Amino acid sequence: MAKIVDYKARFPDWLIIGMNMGMIGLITPEIRLITAGFDEKTKVVKIISHMDRMPTEVDFEDFEELVTILVASNYGNFDDVFFEIRHSPDGLLKNLEILSGVVYCRKE
């Protein structure tokens, strides 16, 4: 079973819309899964990207751009955004941390 954290609250529509806008042109073949969550108490968005390889500087720059687009979209009422890029070599869904919802999942 996938690991679930405190960002399990309802996946807000504004987060889905903002993430989809920000991910245009971001998806590469190495990305296995992108998950996001929103903690309503702390007003913090968390994004995790699982990749088949170690992340590069370009990957971090891409996700910084995603965060910028999400913040600029001003869809939701949030105070901060954190993101992680993880190397997840086995790629089994049961071993990946899932937050409130999956924004992108590569078909394998």
C-alpha atoms as a PDB file:
ATOM      1  CA  MET A   1       0.000   0.000   0.000  1.00  0.00           C
ATOM      2  CA  ALA A   2       1.259   3.509  -0.818  1.00  0.00           C
ATOM      3  CA  LYS A   3       2.457   5.711   2.047  1.00  0.00           C
ATOM      4  CA  ILE A   4       0.061   8.574   2.778  1.00  0.00           C
ATOM      5  CA  VAL A   5       1.076  11.713   4.722  1.00  0.00           C
ATOM      6  CA  ASP A   6      -0.847  14.582   6.349  1.00  0.00           C
ATOM      7  CA  TYR A   7      -1.450  16.240   2.985  1.00  0.00           C
ATOM      8  CA  LYS A   8      -4.321  13.768   2.529  1.00  0.00           C
ATOM      9  CA  ALA A   9      -7.088  16.362   2.806  1.00  0.00           C
ATOM     10  CA  ARG A  10      -9.383  16.812  -0.165  1.00  0.00           C
ATOM     11  CA  PHE A  11      -7.408  17.562  -3.307  1.00  0.00           C
ATOM     12  CA  PRO A  12      -8.504  21.147  -4.123  1.00  0.00           C
ATOM     13  CA  ASP A  13      -9.658  21.897  -7.665  1.00  0.00           C
ATOM     14  CA  TRP A  14      -7.448  25.012  -7.819  1.00  0.00           C
ATOM     15  CA  LEU A  15      -4.390  22.846  -7.136  1.00  0.00           C
ATOM     16  CA  ILE A  16      -5.267  20.463  -9.958  1.00  0.00           C
ATOM     17  CA  ILE A  17      -5.753  23.384 -12.369  1.00  0.00           C
ATOM     18  CA  GLY A  18      -2.596  25.204 -11.248  1.00  0.00           C
ATOM     19  CA  MET A  19      -0.465  22.043 -11.420  1.00  0.00           C
ATOM     20  CA  ASN A  20      -1.719  21.196 -14.899  1.00  0.00           C
ATOM     21  CA  MET A  21      -0.960  24.716 -16.133  1.00  0.00           C
ATOM     22  CA  GLY A  22       2.520  24.580 -14.613  1.00  0.00           C
ATOM     23  CA  MET A  23       3.326  21.139 -15.995  1.00  0.00           C
ATOM     24  CA  ILE A  24       2.885  22.123 -19.640  1.00  0.00           C
ATOM     25  CA  GLY A  25       6.213  21.234 -21.234  1.00  0.00           C
ATOM     26  CA  LEU A  26       7.602  19.884 -17.951  1.00  0.00           C
ATOM     27  CA  ILE A  27       6.928  16.163 -18.373  1.00  0.00           C
ATOM     28  CA  THR A  28       9.930  14.146 -19.533  1.00  0.00           C
ATOM     29  CA  PRO A  29      10.205  10.365 -20.056  1.00  0.00           C
ATOM     30  CA  GLU A  30      12.141  10.007 -16.784  1.00  0.00           C
ATOM     31  CA  ILE A  31       9.275  11.258 -14.588  1.00  0.00           C
ATOM     32  CA  ARG A  32       7.321   8.325 -13.154  1.00  0.00           C
ATOM     33  CA  LEU A  33       4.808  10.131 -10.983  1.00  0.00           C
ATOM     34  CA  ILE A  34       4.012  13.626  -9.699  1.00  0.00           C
ATOM     35  CA  THR A  35       1.883  13.896  -6.585  1.00  0.00           C
ATOM     36  CA  ALA A  36       0.690  16.976  -4.743  1.00  0.00           C
ATOM     37  CA  GLY A  37      -1.065  17.807  -1.524  1.00  0.00           C
ATOM     38  CA  PHE A  38      -2.388  20.747   0.402  1.00  0.00           C
ATOM     39  CA  ASP A  39      -2.437  21.080   4.186  1.00  0.00           C
ATOM     40  CA  GLU A  40      -5.429  23.288   4.992  1.00  0.00           C
ATOM     41  CA  LYS A  41      -4.172  24.048   8.525  1.00  0.00           C
ATOM     42  CA  THR A  42      -0.739  25.362   7.525  1.00  0.00           C
ATOM     43  CA  LYS A  43      -1.792  26.522   4.021  1.00  0.00           C
ATOM     44  CA  VAL A  44       1.209  24.720   2.504  1.00  0.00           C
ATOM     45  CA  VAL A  45       1.339  22.940  -0.857  1.00  0.00           C
ATOM     46  CA  LYS A  46       3.753  20.020  -1.187  1.00  0.00           C
ATOM     47  CA  ILE A  47       4.787  18.499  -4.520  1.00  0.00           C
ATOM     48  CA  ILE A  48       6.810  15.306  -4.984  1.00  0.00           C
ATOM     49  CA  SER A  49       8.170  14.088  -8.297  1.00  0.00           C
ATOM     50  CA  HIS A  50       9.426  10.506  -8.553  1.00  0.00           C
ATOM     51  CA  MET A  51      11.987   9.877 -11.324  1.00  0.00           C
ATOM     52  CA  ASP A  52      13.803   6.837 -12.740  1.00  0.00           C
ATOM     53  CA  ARG A  53      17.148   8.569 -12.441  1.00  0.00           C
ATOM     54  CA  MET A  54      18.909  10.949 -10.109  1.00  0.00           C
ATOM     55  CA  PRO A  55      17.534  14.484 -10.570  1.00  0.00           C
ATOM     56  CA  THR A  56      19.693  17.012 -12.382  1.00  0.00           C
ATOM     57  CA  GLU A  57      20.008  20.763 -11.980  1.00  0.00           C
ATOM     58  CA  VAL A  58      17.677  21.165 -14.973  1.00  0.00           C
ATOM     59  CA  ASP A  59      15.018  19.088 -13.190  1.00  0.00           C
ATOM     60  CA  PHE A  60      15.188  21.389 -10.167  1.00  0.00           C
ATOM     61  CA  GLU A  61      14.976  24.458 -12.407  1.00  0.00           C
ATOM     62  CA  ASP A  62      11.895  22.987 -14.137  1.00  0.00           C
ATOM     63  CA  PHE A  63      10.165  22.409 -10.818  1.00  0.00           C
ATOM     64  CA  GLU A  64      11.076  25.881  -9.589  1.00  0.00           C
ATOM     65  CA  GLU A  65       9.319  27.176 -12.703  1.00  0.00           C
ATOM     66  CA  LEU A  66       6.291  24.995 -11.890  1.00  0.00           C
ATOM     67  CA  VAL A  67       6.172  26.513  -8.382  1.00  0.00           C
ATOM     68  CA  THR A  68       6.451  30.020  -9.845  1.00  0.00           C
ATOM     69  CA  ILE A  69       3.527  29.366 -12.193  1.00  0.00           C
ATOM     70  CA  LEU A  70       1.477  27.895  -9.350  1.00  0.00           C
ATOM     71  CA  VAL A  71       2.134  30.940  -7.149  1.00  0.00           C
ATOM     72  CA  ALA A  72       1.500  33.389  -9.998  1.00  0.00           C
ATOM     73  CA  SER A  73      -1.774  31.696 -10.937  1.00  0.00           C
ATOM     74  CA  ASN A  74      -3.235  32.830  -7.606  1.00  0.00           C
ATOM     75  CA  TYR A  75      -5.923  30.131  -7.792  1.00  0.00           C
ATOM     76  CA  GLY A  76      -5.710  29.039  -4.174  1.00  0.00           C
ATOM     77  CA  ASN A  77      -5.198  30.504  -0.753  1.00  0.00           C
ATOM     78  CA  PHE A  78      -1.815  29.083   0.260  1.00  0.00           C
ATOM     79  CA  ASP A  79       1.203  30.500   2.060  1.00  0.00           C
ATOM     80  CA  ASP A  80       4.071  28.346   0.821  1.00  0.00           C
ATOM     81  CA  VAL A  81       5.048  25.616  -1.645  1.00  0.00           C
ATOM     82  CA  PHE A  82       7.637  22.891  -1.100  1.00  0.00           C
ATOM     83  CA  PHE A  83       8.789  20.413  -3.712  1.00  0.00           C
ATOM     84  CA  GLU A  84      10.982  17.343  -3.714  1.00  0.00           C
ATOM     85  CA  ILE A  85      12.408  15.370  -6.589  1.00  0.00           C
ATOM     86  CA  ARG A  86      13.168  11.788  -5.655  1.00  0.00           C
ATOM     87  CA  HIS A  87      15.052   9.038  -7.410  1.00  0.00           C
ATOM     88  CA  SER A  88      12.641   6.077  -7.317  1.00  0.00           C
ATOM     89  CA  PRO A  89      14.401   3.313  -9.246  1.00  0.00           C
ATOM     90  CA  ASP A  90      11.940   0.447  -8.696  1.00  0.00           C
ATOM     91  CA  GLY A  91       8.923   2.593  -9.617  1.00  0.00           C
ATOM     92  CA  LEU A  92       6.409   0.355  -7.880  1.00  0.00           C
ATOM     93  CA  LEU A  93       3.419   2.473  -6.935  1.00  0.00           C
ATOM     94  CA  LYS A  94       3.214   0.808  -3.526  1.00  0.00           C
ATOM     95  CA  ASN A  95       6.715   2.127  -2.726  1.00  0.00           C
ATOM     96  CA  LEU A  96       6.061   5.741  -3.769  1.00  0.00           C
ATOM     97  CA  GLU A  97       4.807   8.399  -1.374  1.00  0.00           C
ATOM     98  CA  ILE A  98       1.395   9.627  -2.500  1.00  0.00           C
ATOM     99  CA  LEU A  99       0.002  12.913  -1.173  1.00  0.00           C
ATOM    100  CA  SER A 100      -3.614  14.126  -1.664  1.00  0.00           C
ATOM    101  CA  GLY A 101      -3.652  13.196  -5.322  1.00  0.00           C
ATOM    102  CA  VAL A 102      -1.664  12.169  -8.340  1.00  0.00           C
ATOM    103  CA  VAL A 103      -1.220  14.910 -10.912  1.00  0.00           C
ATOM    104  CA  TYR A 104       0.748  12.840 -13.413  1.00  0.00           C
ATOM    105  CA  CYS A 105       1.470   9.114 -13.656  1.00  0.00           C
ATOM    106  CA  ARG A 106       3.452   7.551 -16.470  1.00  0.00           C
ATOM    107  CA  LYS A 107       1.808   4.525 -18.028  1.00  0.00           C
ATOM    108  CA  GLU A 108       4.131   1.567 -17.807  1.00  0.00           C
END
